[in-house]
Amino acid sequence: MANAGSSLMGIGTATGKTRARDAALNAIQSPLLDLGIERATGIVWNITGGSHLTLFKVNTAAEVIYDLVDPTANLIFGAVIDPSISGQVSITLIATGFKRQEET
């Protein structure tokens, strides 16, 4: 992802039963992302939740993100358990290496 041009960041948080999915959607639809992530060739994203954050919830968020991006994109993710967070999930996403419109 080095020398990939401009980067954009999206942040999403959510609570409730579908918080992992909703946080991913909120990060993707963040006003900080003025381009869609569909054209990004590199994405780094992190999910943070409390002790309730399960691998299933991480996978649910990952599916939302992976379904939208180019299948050849390089994706890197991390997950953090923060015991001080209760009932909430936060996702931070950085997208870079945007293909020009004519390349897609």
Protein backbone atom coordinates (compact mmCIF):
# COMPACT_ATOMS: atom_id res chain seq x y z
CA MET A 1 0.00 0.00 0.00
CA ALA A 2 3.06 2.22 -0.05
CA ASN A 3 2.99 5.06 -2.58
CA ALA A 4 -0.66 4.29 -3.37
CA GLY A 5 -1.79 7.90 -3.58
CA SER A 6 -4.44 9.55 -1.47
CA SER A 7 -6.08 7.76 1.43
CA LEU A 8 -9.51 8.18 2.93
CA MET A 9 -10.77 7.23 6.37
CA GLY A 10 -14.18 6.08 7.56
CA ILE A 11 -15.34 5.60 11.13
CA GLY A 12 -18.48 3.79 12.23
CA THR A 13 -19.95 2.86 15.59
CA ALA A 14 -23.10 1.00 16.48
CA THR A 15 -24.98 -0.62 19.33
CA GLY A 16 -27.67 -3.24 19.42
CA LYS A 17 -28.00 -6.79 18.21
CA THR A 18 -26.50 -6.15 14.74
CA ARG A 19 -23.80 -3.73 15.99
CA ALA A 20 -20.88 -5.31 14.09
CA ARG A 21 -22.71 -5.21 10.75
CA ASP A 22 -24.08 -1.73 11.40
CA ALA A 23 -20.68 -0.35 12.46
CA ALA A 24 -19.16 -1.69 9.23
CA LEU A 25 -21.91 -0.08 7.15
CA ASN A 26 -21.49 3.20 9.05
CA ALA A 27 -17.72 3.17 8.42
CA ILE A 28 -18.24 2.51 4.71
CA GLN A 29 -20.85 5.26 4.46
CA SER A 30 -18.83 7.73 6.55
CA PRO A 31 -18.81 11.29 5.21
CA LEU A 32 -15.01 11.16 5.47
CA LEU A 33 -15.05 8.69 2.57
CA ASP A 34 -15.96 10.96 -0.32
CA LEU A 35 -15.22 8.11 -2.74
CA GLY A 36 -16.68 4.64 -2.40
CA ILE A 37 -14.30 1.94 -1.19
CA GLU A 38 -15.22 -0.17 -4.22
CA ARG A 39 -12.29 1.29 -6.18
CA ALA A 40 -9.69 1.05 -3.40
CA THR A 41 -6.80 -1.35 -3.94
CA GLY A 42 -5.76 -1.34 -0.29
CA ILE A 43 -7.79 -1.24 2.91
CA VAL A 44 -6.70 -1.38 6.53
CA TRP A 45 -9.50 -1.70 9.05
CA ASN A 46 -9.85 -2.26 12.76
CA ILE A 47 -12.79 -3.40 14.85
CA THR A 48 -12.97 -2.59 18.55
CA GLY A 49 -15.50 -3.93 21.01
CA GLY A 50 -15.91 -5.01 24.59
CA SER A 51 -15.75 -8.51 25.99
CA HIS A 52 -18.90 -9.29 23.96
CA LEU A 53 -16.92 -9.07 20.68
CA THR A 54 -16.86 -12.59 19.26
CA LEU A 55 -15.15 -14.01 16.20
CA PHE A 56 -18.60 -14.37 14.65
CA LYS A 57 -19.23 -10.62 15.01
CA VAL A 58 -15.79 -9.81 13.58
CA ASN A 59 -16.58 -12.08 10.62
CA THR A 60 -19.96 -10.40 10.12
CA ALA A 61 -18.26 -7.00 9.84
CA ALA A 62 -15.57 -8.44 7.55
CA GLU A 63 -18.17 -9.85 5.16
CA VAL A 64 -19.79 -6.42 4.79
CA ILE A 65 -16.45 -4.82 3.92
CA TYR A 66 -15.09 -7.64 1.76
CA ASP A 67 -18.30 -7.86 -0.28
CA LEU A 68 -17.93 -4.24 -1.38
CA VAL A 69 -14.28 -4.09 -2.38
CA ASP A 70 -12.40 -5.22 -5.45
CA PRO A 71 -11.62 -8.95 -5.04
CA THR A 72 -7.96 -8.22 -5.83
CA ALA A 73 -7.66 -5.53 -3.14
CA ASN A 74 -5.16 -5.98 -0.32
CA LEU A 75 -7.07 -6.01 2.98
CA ILE A 76 -5.49 -5.97 6.43
CA PHE A 77 -7.53 -6.02 9.61
CA GLY A 78 -7.13 -6.04 13.35
CA ALA A 79 -9.45 -6.65 16.27
CA VAL A 80 -9.22 -5.17 19.76
CA ILE A 81 -11.06 -6.16 22.91
CA ASP A 82 -11.46 -3.14 25.19
CA PRO A 83 -13.12 -4.15 28.47
CA SER A 84 -14.19 -0.55 29.09
CA ILE A 85 -16.53 -0.66 26.08
CA SER A 86 -19.91 -2.21 26.75
CA GLY A 87 -22.49 -2.99 24.07
CA GLN A 88 -20.80 -1.00 21.31
CA VAL A 89 -18.61 -1.79 18.31
CA SER A 90 -16.38 0.72 16.52
CA ILE A 91 -14.76 0.26 13.13
CA THR A 92 -12.05 2.45 11.65
CA LEU A 93 -11.29 1.95 7.98
CA ILE A 94 -8.53 3.47 5.84
CA ALA A 95 -8.81 3.01 2.08
CA THR A 96 -6.06 3.85 -0.41
CA GLY A 97 -4.90 3.20 -3.96
CA PHE A 98 -8.08 4.30 -5.70
CA LYS A 99 -8.34 3.20 -9.31
CA ARG A 100 -9.28 5.86 -11.82
CA GLN A 101 -12.82 5.65 -13.16
CA GLU A 102 -11.63 4.38 -16.56
CA GLU A 103 -9.65 1.55 -14.88
CA THR A 104 -12.70 -0.03 -13.26
